[in-house]
Amino acid sequence: MAQLDLAATPKRIIIGAGHYPQPVALLARLGVDYRHEGKGLGAALLVDVVTRLLVLSEEIGCRGLLIHAETEVAREFYLHLIPELERSPTGDLHLVLLLKDARRTLLGS
């Protein structure tokens, strides 16, 4: 778990949540061995992360997922797979996903 301070929080997350740091899950690194790149494993792992987080979010009180992409290539990988990701104001390689967006996309609700 991590938290987004107000300065690091996209405006959509702050709306309706008060002016408090927002609890998020942190995905610091996600990788696939170079011998297995291009087989869809990274995408499958990312879907698994988001799906598991949606299940746990009610119990752990988290509103989103904060991703620390290691490189610009990694950032573009995440943005390509999850268009709802928002760039964090704190850094070019930090991305934020609201769980309500993930729920709507993955579960259709």
PDB file of N, CA and C in Angstrom:
ATOM      1  N   MET A   1       0.844  -1.184   0.000  1.00  0.00           N
ATOM      2  CA  MET A   1       0.000   0.000   0.000  1.00  0.00           C
ATOM      3  C   MET A   1       0.880   1.233   0.000  1.00  0.00           C
ATOM      4  N   ALA A   2       0.304   2.292  -0.532  1.00  0.00           N
ATOM      5  CA  ALA A   2       0.971   3.584  -0.581  1.00  0.00           C
ATOM      6  C   ALA A   2      -0.119   4.642  -0.454  1.00  0.00           C
ATOM      7  N   GLN A   3       0.288   5.878  -0.509  1.00  0.00           N
ATOM      8  CA  GLN A   3      -0.700   6.950  -0.514  1.00  0.00           C
ATOM      9  C   GLN A   3      -0.252   8.030  -1.475  1.00  0.00           C
ATOM     10  N   LEU A   4      -1.226   8.721  -2.020  1.00  0.00           N
ATOM     11  CA  LEU A   4      -0.961   9.860  -2.886  1.00  0.00           C
ATOM     12  C   LEU A   4      -1.245  11.123  -2.099  1.00  0.00           C
ATOM     13  N   ASP A   5      -0.229  11.947  -1.929  1.00  0.00           N
ATOM     14  CA  ASP A   5      -0.458  13.250  -1.322  1.00  0.00           C
ATOM     15  C   ASP A   5      -1.268  14.090  -2.297  1.00  0.00           C
ATOM     16  N   LEU A   6      -1.897  15.126  -1.798  1.00  0.00           N
ATOM     17  CA  LEU A   6      -2.761  15.938  -2.662  1.00  0.00           C
ATOM     18  C   LEU A   6      -2.028  16.457  -3.886  1.00  0.00           C
ATOM     19  N   ALA A   7      -0.764  16.865  -3.733  1.00  0.00           N
ATOM     20  CA  ALA A   7      -0.009  17.406  -4.860  1.00  0.00           C
ATOM     21  C   ALA A   7       0.246  16.344  -5.928  1.00  0.00           C
ATOM     22  N   ALA A   8       0.230  15.084  -5.537  1.00  0.00           N
ATOM     23  CA  ALA A   8       0.517  13.987  -6.461  1.00  0.00           C
ATOM     24  C   ALA A   8      -0.744  13.318  -6.980  1.00  0.00           C
ATOM     25  N   THR A   9      -1.892  13.806  -6.574  1.00  0.00           N
ATOM     26  CA  THR A   9      -3.149  13.141  -6.888  1.00  0.00           C
ATOM     27  C   THR A   9      -3.850  13.816  -8.060  1.00  0.00           C
ATOM     28  N   PRO A  10      -4.153  13.062  -9.118  1.00  0.00           N
ATOM     29  CA  PRO A  10      -4.945  13.646 -10.201  1.00  0.00           C
ATOM     30  C   PRO A  10      -6.280  14.163  -9.661  1.00  0.00           C
ATOM     31  N   LYS A  11      -6.761  15.240 -10.237  1.00  0.00           N
ATOM     32  CA  LYS A  11      -7.966  15.910  -9.735  1.00  0.00           C
ATOM     33  C   LYS A  11      -9.178  14.978  -9.653  1.00  0.00           C
ATOM     34  N   ARG A  12      -9.300  14.041 -10.576  1.00  0.00           N
ATOM     35  CA  ARG A  12     -10.458  13.133 -10.560  1.00  0.00           C
ATOM     36  C   ARG A  12     -10.518  12.298  -9.292  1.00  0.00           C
ATOM     37  N   ILE A  13      -9.376  12.002  -8.691  1.00  0.00           N
ATOM     38  CA  ILE A  13      -9.371  11.199  -7.467  1.00  0.00           C
ATOM     39  C   ILE A  13      -9.780  12.040  -6.268  1.00  0.00           C
ATOM     40  N   ILE A  14      -9.376  13.298  -6.265  1.00  0.00           N
ATOM     41  CA  ILE A  14      -9.665  14.180  -5.132  1.00  0.00           C
ATOM     42  C   ILE A  14     -11.161  14.468  -5.023  1.00  0.00           C
ATOM     43  N   ILE A  15     -11.831  14.579  -6.169  1.00  0.00           N
ATOM     44  CA  ILE A  15     -13.252  14.920  -6.166  1.00  0.00           C
ATOM     45  C   ILE A  15     -14.032  13.892  -5.348  1.00  0.00           C
ATOM     46  N   GLY A  16     -14.747  14.373  -4.359  1.00  0.00           N
ATOM     47  CA  GLY A  16     -15.567  13.512  -3.526  1.00  0.00           C
ATOM     48  C   GLY A  16     -14.809  12.738  -2.470  1.00  0.00           C
ATOM     49  N   ALA A  17     -13.516  13.001  -2.325  1.00  0.00           N
ATOM     50  CA  ALA A  17     -12.723  12.219  -1.371  1.00  0.00           C
ATOM     51  C   ALA A  17     -12.152  13.067  -0.250  1.00  0.00           C
ATOM     52  N   GLY A  18     -12.447  14.353  -0.254  1.00  0.00           N
ATOM     53  CA  GLY A  18     -11.864  15.205   0.773  1.00  0.00           C
ATOM     54  C   GLY A  18     -10.421  15.535   0.452  1.00  0.00           C
ATOM     55  N   HIS A  19      -9.859  16.366   1.268  1.00  0.00           N
ATOM     56  CA  HIS A  19      -8.483  16.811   1.033  1.00  0.00           C
ATOM     57  C   HIS A  19      -7.520  16.062   1.936  1.00  0.00           C
ATOM     58  N   TYR A  20      -7.489  14.761   1.749  1.00  0.00           N
ATOM     59  CA  TYR A  20      -6.622  13.882   2.529  1.00  0.00           C
ATOM     60  C   TYR A  20      -5.786  13.044   1.569  1.00  0.00           C
ATOM     61  N   PRO A  21      -4.629  12.579   2.020  1.00  0.00           N
ATOM     62  CA  PRO A  21      -3.871  11.644   1.179  1.00  0.00           C
ATOM     63  C   PRO A  21      -4.752  10.445   0.824  1.00  0.00           C
ATOM     64  N   GLN A  22      -4.635   9.986  -0.403  1.00  0.00           N
ATOM     65  CA  GLN A  22      -5.500   8.916  -0.888  1.00  0.00           C
ATOM     66  C   GLN A  22      -4.771   7.575  -0.897  1.00  0.00           C
ATOM     67  N   PRO A  23      -5.375   6.529  -0.321  1.00  0.00           N
ATOM     68  CA  PRO A  23      -4.732   5.215  -0.285  1.00  0.00           C
ATOM     69  C   PRO A  23      -4.768   4.534  -1.656  1.00  0.00           C
ATOM     70  N   VAL A  24      -3.616   4.041  -2.068  1.00  0.00           N
ATOM     71  CA  VAL A  24      -3.494   3.334  -3.340  1.00  0.00           C
ATOM     72  C   VAL A  24      -2.581   2.126  -3.163  1.00  0.00           C
ATOM     73  N   ALA A  25      -2.728   1.177  -4.047  1.00  0.00           N
ATOM     74  CA  ALA A  25      -1.780   0.065  -4.111  1.00  0.00           C
ATOM     75  C   ALA A  25      -0.633   0.514  -5.010  1.00  0.00           C
ATOM     76  N   LEU A  26       0.548   0.021  -4.736  1.00  0.00           N
ATOM     77  CA  LEU A  26       1.734   0.415  -5.495  1.00  0.00           C
ATOM     78  C   LEU A  26       2.254  -0.760  -6.306  1.00  0.00           C
ATOM     79  N   LEU A  27       2.393  -0.543  -7.599  1.00  0.00           N
ATOM     80  CA  LEU A  27       3.056  -1.506  -8.473  1.00  0.00           C
ATOM     81  C   LEU A  27       4.383  -0.875  -8.868  1.00  0.00           C
ATOM     82  N   ALA A  28       5.444  -1.308  -8.204  1.00  0.00           N
ATOM     83  CA  ALA A  28       6.751  -0.696  -8.425  1.00  0.00           C
ATOM     84  C   ALA A  28       7.455  -1.283  -9.641  1.00  0.00           C
ATOM     85  N   ARG A  29       7.338  -2.564  -9.852  1.00  0.00           N
ATOM     86  CA  ARG A  29       7.990  -3.194 -10.994  1.00  0.00           C
ATOM     87  C   ARG A  29       7.165  -4.379 -11.479  1.00  0.00           C
ATOM     88  N   LEU A  30       7.110  -4.510 -12.783  1.00  0.00           N
ATOM     89  CA  LEU A  30       6.471  -5.658 -13.410  1.00  0.00           C
ATOM     90  C   LEU A  30       7.348  -6.012 -14.597  1.00  0.00           C
ATOM     91  N   GLY A  31       7.808  -7.215 -14.662  1.00  0.00           N
ATOM     92  CA  GLY A  31       8.700  -7.563 -15.760  1.00  0.00           C
ATOM     93  C   GLY A  31       8.558  -9.002 -16.187  1.00  0.00           C
ATOM     94  N   VAL A  32       8.988  -9.242 -17.404  1.00  0.00           N
ATOM     95  CA  VAL A  32       9.000 -10.574 -17.987  1.00  0.00           C
ATOM     96  C   VAL A  32      10.417 -10.819 -18.492  1.00  0.00           C
ATOM     97  N   ASP A  33      10.934 -11.996 -18.270  1.00  0.00           N
ATOM     98  CA  ASP A  33      12.260 -12.362 -18.760  1.00  0.00           C
ATOM     99  C   ASP A  33      12.332 -12.109 -20.267  1.00  0.00           C
ATOM    100  N   TYR A  34      13.455 -11.564 -20.712  1.00  0.00           N
ATOM    101  CA  TYR A  34      13.588 -11.174 -22.114  1.00  0.00           C
ATOM    102  C   TYR A  34      13.341 -12.343 -23.075  1.00  0.00           C
ATOM    103  N   ARG A  35      13.578 -13.555 -22.627  1.00  0.00           N
ATOM    104  CA  ARG A  35      13.355 -14.726 -23.492  1.00  0.00           C
ATOM    105  C   ARG A  35      11.869 -14.981 -23.731  1.00  0.00           C
ATOM    106  N   HIS A  36      11.021 -14.344 -22.943  1.00  0.00           N
ATOM    107  CA  HIS A  36       9.575 -14.570 -23.073  1.00  0.00           C
ATOM    108  C   HIS A  36       8.819 -13.299 -23.464  1.00  0.00           C
ATOM    109  N   GLU A  37       9.554 -12.262 -23.854  1.00  0.00           N
ATOM    110  CA  GLU A  37       8.904 -11.018 -24.274  1.00  0.00           C
ATOM    111  C   GLU A  37       8.102 -11.245 -25.553  1.00  0.00           C
ATOM    112  N   GLY A  38       7.051 -10.455 -25.699  1.00  0.00           N
ATOM    113  CA  GLY A  38       6.248 -10.512 -26.915  1.00  0.00           C
ATOM    114  C   GLY A  38       5.247 -11.654 -26.969  1.00  0.00           C
ATOM    115  N   LYS A  39       5.059 -12.342 -25.858  1.00  0.00           N
ATOM    116  CA  LYS A  39       4.123 -13.466 -25.821  1.00  0.00           C
ATOM    117  C   LYS A  39       2.838 -13.134 -25.066  1.00  0.00           C
ATOM    118  N   GLY A  40       2.692 -11.891 -24.641  1.00  0.00           N
ATOM    119  CA  GLY A  40       1.484 -11.490 -23.921  1.00  0.00           C
ATOM    120  C   GLY A  40       1.537 -11.725 -22.426  1.00  0.00           C
ATOM    121  N   LEU A  41       2.692 -12.155 -21.917  1.00  0.00           N
ATOM    122  CA  LEU A  41       2.786 -12.431 -20.484  1.00  0.00           C
ATOM    123  C   LEU A  41       2.689 -11.159 -19.646  1.00  0.00           C
ATOM    124  N   GLY A  42       3.313 -10.081 -20.099  1.00  0.00           N
ATOM    125  CA  GLY A  42       3.248  -8.814 -19.363  1.00  0.00           C
ATOM    126  C   GLY A  42       1.822  -8.308 -19.260  1.00  0.00           C
ATOM    127  N   ALA A  43       1.100  -8.381 -20.360  1.00  0.00           N
ATOM    128  CA  ALA A  43      -0.303  -7.953 -20.353  1.00  0.00           C
ATOM    129  C   ALA A  43      -1.124  -8.826 -19.415  1.00  0.00           C
ATOM    130  N   ALA A  44      -0.888 -10.134 -19.451  1.00  0.00           N
ATOM    131  CA  ALA A  44      -1.630 -11.044 -18.573  1.00  0.00           C
ATOM    132  C   ALA A  44      -1.316 -10.768 -17.107  1.00  0.00           C
ATOM    133  N   LEU A  45      -0.054 -10.496 -16.804  1.00  0.00           N
ATOM    134  CA  LEU A  45       0.321 -10.174 -15.425  1.00  0.00           C
ATOM    135  C   LEU A  45      -0.353  -8.892 -14.958  1.00  0.00           C
ATOM    136  N   LEU A  46      -0.393  -7.888 -15.831  1.00  0.00           N
ATOM    137  CA  LEU A  46      -1.012  -6.619 -15.453  1.00  0.00           C
ATOM    138  C   LEU A  46      -2.515  -6.791 -15.221  1.00  0.00           C
ATOM    139  N   VAL A  47      -3.182  -7.533 -16.073  1.00  0.00           N
ATOM    140  CA  VAL A  47      -4.610  -7.807 -15.868  1.00  0.00           C
ATOM    141  C   VAL A  47      -4.812  -8.546 -14.550  1.00  0.00           C
ATOM    142  N   ASP A  48      -3.924  -9.482 -14.232  1.00  0.00           N
ATOM    143  CA  ASP A  48      -4.021 -10.220 -12.978  1.00  0.00           C
ATOM    144  C   ASP A  48      -3.859  -9.288 -11.780  1.00  0.00           C
ATOM    145  N   VAL A  49      -2.901  -8.376 -11.857  1.00  0.00           N
ATOM    146  CA  VAL A  49      -2.691  -7.408 -10.764  1.00  0.00           C
ATOM    147  C   VAL A  49      -3.957  -6.593 -10.534  1.00  0.00           C
ATOM    148  N   VAL A  50      -4.509  -6.038 -11.603  1.00  0.00           N
ATOM    149  CA  VAL A  50      -5.686  -5.175 -11.473  1.00  0.00           C
ATOM    150  C   VAL A  50      -6.894  -5.979 -10.996  1.00  0.00           C
ATOM    151  N   THR A  51      -7.066  -7.181 -11.514  1.00  0.00           N
ATOM    152  CA  THR A  51      -8.193  -8.022 -11.097  1.00  0.00           C
ATOM    153  C   THR A  51      -8.108  -8.366  -9.617  1.00  0.00           C
ATOM    154  N   ARG A  52      -6.926  -8.746  -9.158  1.00  0.00           N
ATOM    155  CA  ARG A  52      -6.751  -9.065  -7.735  1.00  0.00           C
ATOM    156  C   ARG A  52      -6.983  -7.835  -6.866  1.00  0.00           C
ATOM    157  N   LEU A  53      -6.518  -6.689  -7.340  1.00  0.00           N
ATOM    158  CA  LEU A  53      -6.709  -5.456  -6.578  1.00  0.00           C
ATOM    159  C   LEU A  53      -8.187  -5.098  -6.470  1.00  0.00           C
ATOM    160  N   LEU A  54      -8.942  -5.312  -7.526  1.00  0.00           N
ATOM    161  CA  LEU A  54     -10.381  -5.039  -7.470  1.00  0.00           C
ATOM    162  C   LEU A  54     -11.061  -5.899  -6.411  1.00  0.00           C
ATOM    163  N   VAL A  55     -10.640  -7.140  -6.289  1.00  0.00           N
ATOM    164  CA  VAL A  55     -11.212  -8.035  -5.280  1.00  0.00           C
ATOM    165  C   VAL A  55     -10.841  -7.566  -3.874  1.00  0.00           C
ATOM    166  N   LEU A  56      -9.587  -7.166  -3.704  1.00  0.00           N
ATOM    167  CA  LEU A  56      -9.097  -6.777  -2.376  1.00  0.00           C
ATOM    168  C   LEU A  56      -9.453  -5.352  -1.959  1.00  0.00           C
ATOM    169  N   SER A  57      -9.774  -4.508  -2.905  1.00  0.00           N
ATOM    170  CA  SER A  57      -9.903  -3.074  -2.616  1.00  0.00           C
ATOM    171  C   SER A  57     -10.913  -2.753  -1.524  1.00  0.00           C
ATOM    172  N   GLU A  58     -12.003  -3.482  -1.465  1.00  0.00           N
ATOM    173  CA  GLU A  58     -13.007  -3.226  -0.430  1.00  0.00           C
ATOM    174  C   GLU A  58     -12.455  -3.521   0.961  1.00  0.00           C
ATOM    175  N   GLU A  59     -11.629  -4.539   1.063  1.00  0.00           N
ATOM    176  CA  GLU A  59     -11.084  -4.928   2.364  1.00  0.00           C
ATOM    177  C   GLU A  59      -9.920  -4.049   2.805  1.00  0.00           C
ATOM    178  N   ILE A  60      -9.122  -3.600   1.863  1.00  0.00           N
ATOM    179  CA  ILE A  60      -7.932  -2.832   2.245  1.00  0.00           C
ATOM    180  C   ILE A  60      -8.131  -1.325   2.109  1.00  0.00           C
ATOM    181  N   GLY A  61      -9.275  -0.901   1.612  1.00  0.00           N
ATOM    182  CA  GLY A  61      -9.590   0.520   1.548  1.00  0.00           C
ATOM    183  C   GLY A  61      -8.732   1.306   0.584  1.00  0.00           C
ATOM    184  N   CYS A  62      -8.572   0.779  -0.598  1.00  0.00           N
ATOM    185  CA  CYS A  62      -7.724   1.459  -1.569  1.00  0.00           C
ATOM    186  C   CYS A  62      -8.579   1.998  -2.712  1.00  0.00           C
ATOM    187  N   ARG A  63      -8.182   3.152  -3.241  1.00  0.00           N
ATOM    188  CA  ARG A  63      -8.978   3.812  -4.286  1.00  0.00           C
ATOM    189  C   ARG A  63      -8.369   3.708  -5.665  1.00  0.00           C
ATOM    190  N   GLY A  64      -7.115   3.272  -5.720  1.00  0.00           N
ATOM    191  CA  GLY A  64      -6.477   3.239  -7.023  1.00  0.00           C
ATOM    192  C   GLY A  64      -5.196   2.439  -7.022  1.00  0.00           C
ATOM    193  N   LEU A  65      -4.551   2.457  -8.169  1.00  0.00           N
ATOM    194  CA  LEU A  65      -3.276   1.783  -8.363  1.00  0.00           C
ATOM    195  C   LEU A  65      -2.274   2.818  -8.836  1.00  0.00           C
ATOM    196  N   LEU A  66      -1.159   2.914  -8.141  1.00  0.00           N
ATOM    197  CA  LEU A  66      -0.058   3.792  -8.528  1.00  0.00           C
ATOM    198  C   LEU A  66       1.016   2.921  -9.151  1.00  0.00           C
ATOM    199  N   ILE A  67       1.385   3.233 -10.378  1.00  0.00           N
ATOM    200  CA  ILE A  67       2.405   2.465 -11.085  1.00  0.00           C
ATOM    201  C   ILE A  67       3.646   3.327 -11.243  1.00  0.00           C
ATOM    202  N   HIS A  68       4.780   2.787 -10.844  1.00  0.00           N
ATOM    203  CA  HIS A  68       6.071   3.428 -11.079  1.00  0.00           C
ATOM    204  C   HIS A  68       6.718   2.711 -12.262  1.00  0.00           C
ATOM    205  N   ALA A  69       6.575   3.277 -13.433  1.00  0.00           N
ATOM    206  CA  ALA A  69       7.204   2.681 -14.616  1.00  0.00           C
ATOM    207  C   ALA A  69       8.708   2.942 -14.553  1.00  0.00           C
ATOM    208  N   GLU A  70       9.485   1.952 -14.932  1.00  0.00           N
ATOM    209  CA  GLU A  70      10.942   2.085 -14.841  1.00  0.00           C
ATOM    210  C   GLU A  70      11.507   2.945 -15.970  1.00  0.00           C
ATOM    211  N   THR A  71      10.897   2.865 -17.141  1.00  0.00           N
ATOM    212  CA  THR A  71      11.387   3.589 -18.309  1.00  0.00           C
ATOM    213  C   THR A  71      10.205   4.167 -19.080  1.00  0.00           C
ATOM    214  N   GLU A  72      10.518   5.001 -20.064  1.00  0.00           N
ATOM    215  CA  GLU A  72       9.464   5.533 -20.925  1.00  0.00           C
ATOM    216  C   GLU A  72       8.810   4.416 -21.733  1.00  0.00           C
ATOM    217  N   VAL A  73       9.596   3.433 -22.125  1.00  0.00           N
ATOM    218  CA  VAL A  73       9.045   2.287 -22.862  1.00  0.00           C
ATOM    219  C   VAL A  73       8.039   1.543 -21.987  1.00  0.00           C
ATOM    220  N   ALA A  74       8.385   1.344 -20.723  1.00  0.00           N
ATOM    221  CA  ALA A  74       7.459   0.682 -19.794  1.00  0.00           C
ATOM    222  C   ALA A  74       6.197   1.517 -19.609  1.00  0.00           C
ATOM    223  N   ARG A  75       6.370   2.842 -19.479  1.00  0.00           N
ATOM    224  CA  ARG A  75       5.198   3.721 -19.329  1.00  0.00           C
ATOM    225  C   ARG A  75       4.257   3.569 -20.522  1.00  0.00           C
ATOM    226  N   GLU A  76       4.810   3.565 -21.715  1.00  0.00           N
ATOM    227  CA  GLU A  76       3.982   3.437 -22.909  1.00  0.00           C
ATOM    228  C   GLU A  76       3.304   2.066 -22.976  1.00  0.00           C
ATOM    229  N   PHE A  77       3.978   1.036 -22.474  1.00  0.00           N
ATOM    230  CA  PHE A  77       3.380  -0.299 -22.385  1.00  0.00           C
ATOM    231  C   PHE A  77       2.130  -0.247 -21.517  1.00  0.00           C
ATOM    232  N   TYR A  78       2.242   0.355 -20.334  1.00  0.00           N
ATOM    233  CA  TYR A  78       1.097   0.455 -19.423  1.00  0.00           C
ATOM    234  C   TYR A  78      -0.025   1.284 -20.047  1.00  0.00           C
ATOM    235  N   LEU A  79       0.329   2.422 -20.639  1.00  0.00           N
ATOM    236  CA  LEU A  79      -0.687   3.300 -21.230  1.00  0.00           C
ATOM    237  C   LEU A  79      -1.393   2.627 -22.409  1.00  0.00           C
ATOM    238  N   HIS A  80      -0.666   1.825 -23.154  1.00  0.00           N
ATOM    239  CA  HIS A  80      -1.269   1.108 -24.282  1.00  0.00           C
ATOM    240  C   HIS A  80      -2.291   0.081 -23.791  1.00  0.00           C
ATOM    241  N   LEU A  81      -1.955  -0.605 -22.708  1.00  0.00           N
ATOM    242  CA  LEU A  81      -2.837  -1.657 -22.199  1.00  0.00           C
ATOM    243  C   LEU A  81      -4.023  -1.120 -21.411  1.00  0.00           C
ATOM    244  N   ILE A  82      -3.805  -0.019 -20.687  1.00  0.00           N
ATOM    245  CA  ILE A  82      -4.869   0.538 -19.843  1.00  0.00           C
ATOM    246  C   ILE A  82      -5.019   2.025 -20.174  1.00  0.00           C
ATOM    247  N   PRO A  83      -5.846   2.364 -21.151  1.00  0.00           N
ATOM    248  CA  PRO A  83      -5.999   3.758 -21.569  1.00  0.00           C
ATOM    249  C   PRO A  83      -6.511   4.678 -20.457  1.00  0.00           C
ATOM    250  N   GLU A  84      -7.152   4.118 -19.434  1.00  0.00           N
ATOM    251  CA  GLU A  84      -7.699   4.932 -18.342  1.00  0.00           C
ATOM    252  C   GLU A  84      -6.627   5.431 -17.379  1.00  0.00           C
ATOM    253  N   LEU A  85      -5.407   4.957 -17.520  1.00  0.00           N
ATOM    254  CA  LEU A  85      -4.326   5.436 -16.649  1.00  0.00           C
ATOM    255  C   LEU A  85      -4.136   6.932 -16.830  1.00  0.00           C
ATOM    256  N   GLU A  86      -3.884   7.605 -15.722  1.00  0.00           N
ATOM    257  CA  GLU A  86      -3.614   9.041 -15.751  1.00  0.00           C
ATOM    258  C   GLU A  86      -2.181   9.275 -15.304  1.00  0.00           C
ATOM    259  N   ARG A  87      -1.536  10.243 -15.911  1.00  0.00           N
ATOM    260  CA  ARG A  87      -0.179  10.594 -15.494  1.00  0.00           C
ATOM    261  C   ARG A  87      -0.249  11.352 -14.180  1.00  0.00           C
ATOM    262  N   SER A  88       0.652  11.014 -13.287  1.00  0.00           N
ATOM    263  CA  SER A  88       0.711  11.699 -11.997  1.00  0.00           C
ATOM    264  C   SER A  88       1.446  13.016 -12.167  1.00  0.00           C
ATOM    265  N   PRO A  89       1.023  14.054 -11.441  1.00  0.00           N
ATOM    266  CA  PRO A  89       1.727  15.335 -11.512  1.00  0.00           C
ATOM    267  C   PRO A  89       3.144  15.272 -10.938  1.00  0.00           C
ATOM    268  N   THR A  90       3.495  14.199 -10.242  1.00  0.00           N
ATOM    269  CA  THR A  90       4.799  14.141  -9.577  1.00  0.00           C
ATOM    270  C   THR A  90       5.921  13.610 -10.442  1.00  0.00           C
ATOM    271  N   GLY A  91       5.609  12.977 -11.546  1.00  0.00           N
ATOM    272  CA  GLY A  91       6.685  12.442 -12.368  1.00  0.00           C
ATOM    273  C   GLY A  91       6.177  11.841 -13.655  1.00  0.00           C
ATOM    274  N   ASP A  92       6.997  11.924 -14.685  1.00  0.00           N
ATOM    275  CA  ASP A  92       6.610  11.411 -15.998  1.00  0.00           C
ATOM    276  C   ASP A  92       6.412   9.902 -16.018  1.00  0.00           C
ATOM    277  N   LEU A  93       7.054   9.202 -15.087  1.00  0.00           N
ATOM    278  CA  LEU A  93       6.980   7.744 -15.087  1.00  0.00           C
ATOM    279  C   LEU A  93       5.997   7.201 -14.058  1.00  0.00           C
ATOM    280  N   HIS A  94       5.233   8.085 -13.432  1.00  0.00           N
ATOM    281  CA  HIS A  94       4.233   7.669 -12.442  1.00  0.00           C
ATOM    282  C   HIS A  94       2.852   7.743 -13.074  1.00  0.00           C
ATOM    283  N   LEU A  95       2.103   6.652 -12.960  1.00  0.00           N
ATOM    284  CA  LEU A  95       0.761   6.568 -13.522  1.00  0.00           C
ATOM    285  C   LEU A  95      -0.221   6.158 -12.439  1.00  0.00           C
ATOM    286  N   VAL A  96      -1.453   6.645 -12.557  1.00  0.00           N
ATOM    287  CA  VAL A  96      -2.482   6.353 -11.558  1.00  0.00           C
ATOM    288  C   VAL A  96      -3.720   5.812 -12.269  1.00  0.00           C
ATOM    289  N   LEU A  97      -4.282   4.754 -11.695  1.00  0.00           N
ATOM    290  CA  LEU A  97      -5.519   4.173 -12.205  1.00  0.00           C
ATOM    291  C   LEU A  97      -6.564   4.209 -11.106  1.00  0.00           C
ATOM    292  N   LEU A  98      -7.678   4.869 -11.365  1.00  0.00           N
ATOM    293  CA  LEU A  98      -8.804   4.817 -10.433  1.00  0.00           C
ATOM    294  C   LEU A  98      -9.443   3.439 -10.532  1.00  0.00           C
ATOM    295  N   LEU A  99      -9.744   2.857  -9.391  1.00  0.00           N
ATOM    296  CA  LEU A  99     -10.321   1.515  -9.413  1.00  0.00           C
ATOM    297  C   LEU A  99     -11.711   1.501 -10.032  1.00  0.00           C
ATOM    298  N   LYS A 100     -12.446   2.602  -9.928  1.00  0.00           N
ATOM    299  CA  LYS A 100     -13.768   2.617 -10.565  1.00  0.00           C
ATOM    300  C   LYS A 100     -13.632   2.532 -12.084  1.00  0.00           C
ATOM    301  N   ASP A 101     -12.560   3.102 -12.640  1.00  0.00           N
ATOM    302  CA  ASP A 101     -12.306   2.975 -14.077  1.00  0.00           C
ATOM    303  C   ASP A 101     -11.928   1.540 -14.429  1.00  0.00           C
ATOM    304  N   ALA A 102     -11.081   0.933 -13.602  1.00  0.00           N
ATOM    305  CA  ALA A 102     -10.664  -0.453 -13.840  1.00  0.00           C
ATOM    306  C   ALA A 102     -11.860  -1.391 -13.744  1.00  0.00           C
ATOM    307  N   ARG A 103     -12.707  -1.159 -12.773  1.00  0.00           N
ATOM    308  CA  ARG A 103     -13.892  -2.005 -12.574  1.00  0.00           C
ATOM    309  C   ARG A 103     -14.805  -1.924 -13.798  1.00  0.00           C
ATOM    310  N   ARG A 104     -15.007  -0.718 -14.290  1.00  0.00           N
ATOM    311  CA  ARG A 104     -15.877  -0.516 -15.454  1.00  0.00           C
ATOM    312  C   ARG A 104     -15.285  -1.209 -16.693  1.00  0.00           C
ATOM    313  N   THR A 105     -13.978  -1.107 -16.869  1.00  0.00           N
ATOM    314  CA  THR A 105     -13.334  -1.688 -18.044  1.00  0.00           C
ATOM    315  C   THR A 105     -13.275  -3.210 -17.983  1.00  0.00           C
ATOM    316  N   LEU A 106     -12.820  -3.741 -16.852  1.00  0.00           N
ATOM    317  CA  LEU A 106     -12.624  -5.190 -16.748  1.00  0.00           C
ATOM    318  C   LEU A 106     -13.909  -5.967 -16.483  1.00  0.00           C
ATOM    319  N   LEU A 107     -14.779  -5.385 -15.692  1.00  0.00           N
ATOM    320  CA  LEU A 107     -15.975  -6.120 -15.281  1.00  0.00           C
ATOM    321  C   LEU A 107     -17.248  -5.632 -15.956  1.00  0.00           C
ATOM    322  N   GLY A 108     -17.146  -4.524 -16.672  1.00  0.00           N
ATOM    323  CA  GLY A 108     -18.317  -3.996 -17.343  1.00  0.00           C
ATOM    324  C   GLY A 108     -19.377  -3.460 -16.406  1.00  0.00           C
ATOM    325  N   SER A 109     -18.940  -3.036 -15.190  1.00  0.00           N
ATOM    326  CA  SER A 109     -19.931  -2.502 -14.239  1.00  0.00           C
ATOM    327  C   SER A 109     -19.500  -1.170 -13.701  1.00  0.00           C
TER     328      SER A 109
END
